[in-house]
Protein backbone atom coordinates (compact mmCIF):
# COMPACT_ATOMS: atom_id res chain seq x y z
CA MET A 1 62.41 27.35 39.42
CA ASN A 2 60.60 30.70 39.66
CA TYR A 3 63.92 32.50 40.09
CA ILE A 4 65.32 30.88 36.95
CA LEU A 5 62.23 31.82 34.92
CA GLU A 6 62.24 35.39 36.25
CA GLN A 7 65.91 35.74 35.29
CA ALA A 8 65.21 34.37 31.81
CA VAL A 9 62.43 36.89 31.19
CA SER A 10 64.55 39.71 32.61
CA GLN A 11 67.52 38.82 30.42
CA SER A 12 65.29 38.48 27.38
CA GLU A 13 63.75 41.89 28.00
CA ALA A 14 67.26 43.34 28.46
CA GLY A 15 68.20 42.20 24.95
CA ALA A 16 69.86 38.83 25.46
CA GLN A 17 70.15 36.82 22.26
CA VAL A 18 70.91 33.44 23.86
CA LEU A 19 70.39 32.01 27.34
CA ASP A 20 73.16 29.89 28.84
CA VAL A 21 71.61 27.06 30.87
CA ASN A 22 73.77 25.35 33.48
CA VAL A 23 72.22 23.26 36.21
CA ALA A 24 75.01 22.43 38.64
CA ARG A 25 73.60 19.55 40.60
CA ARG A 26 75.01 16.11 41.22
CA ARG A 27 71.95 13.94 41.58
CA GLY A 28 69.31 13.95 38.91
CA ARG A 29 71.09 16.58 36.82
CA ALA A 30 69.75 15.15 33.55
CA SER A 31 66.13 15.30 34.65
CA VAL A 32 66.60 18.71 36.28
CA MET A 33 68.18 20.13 33.11
CA GLU A 34 65.30 18.71 31.08
CA GLN A 35 62.72 20.30 33.40
CA VAL A 36 64.52 23.65 33.30
CA VAL A 37 64.69 23.61 29.49
CA LYS A 38 60.97 22.88 29.18
CA ALA A 39 60.10 25.61 31.69
CA LEU A 40 62.36 28.18 30.01
CA GLN A 41 60.81 27.50 26.62
CA SER A 42 57.41 28.23 28.09
CA VAL A 43 58.41 31.81 29.00
CA VAL A 44 61.01 32.88 26.39
CA SER A 45 61.69 32.13 22.74
CA LEU A 46 65.46 32.64 22.87
CA PRO A 47 67.88 29.90 21.80
CA LEU A 48 69.27 27.96 24.75
CA GLN A 49 72.92 27.09 25.19
CA LEU A 50 73.01 23.89 27.22
CA ASP A 51 76.11 24.20 29.34
CA SER A 52 77.21 21.11 31.22
CA SER A 53 80.36 19.06 31.63
CA HIS A 54 78.12 15.99 31.95
CA ALA A 55 76.99 14.54 28.64
CA ASP A 56 73.96 12.86 30.21
CA ALA A 57 72.56 16.21 31.33
CA SER A 58 72.97 18.05 28.04
CA SER A 59 72.00 15.17 25.75
CA GLY A 60 68.83 14.46 27.72
CA ALA A 61 67.84 18.10 27.60
CA CYS A 62 68.55 18.34 23.87
CA GLY A 63 65.60 16.06 23.26
CA SER A 64 63.36 18.48 25.12
CA THR A 65 64.15 21.56 23.09
CA THR A 66 61.76 22.95 20.51
CA ALA A 67 64.62 24.60 18.61
CA SER A 68 68.14 23.50 17.83
CA PRO A 69 70.09 23.89 21.06
CA LEU A 70 73.65 25.08 21.36
CA SER A 71 75.54 22.54 23.44
CA THR A 72 78.91 22.96 25.13
CA ARG A 73 80.65 19.90 26.49
């Protein structure tokens, strides 16, 4: 998780306007995506694009966002 957060801060400082979040994991992907979204929001204020081909992962994480997420399915 530290690597993900470090990358988010680095990309934010480099001028990113949106962070694309894709957690490629088979088991527990919905809960992992939710944890990642919460952690990212604690270190950056950028909009998050929730990128997953699995509706359960992106819809679960949408409920964890503090802003309107961008979702690609």
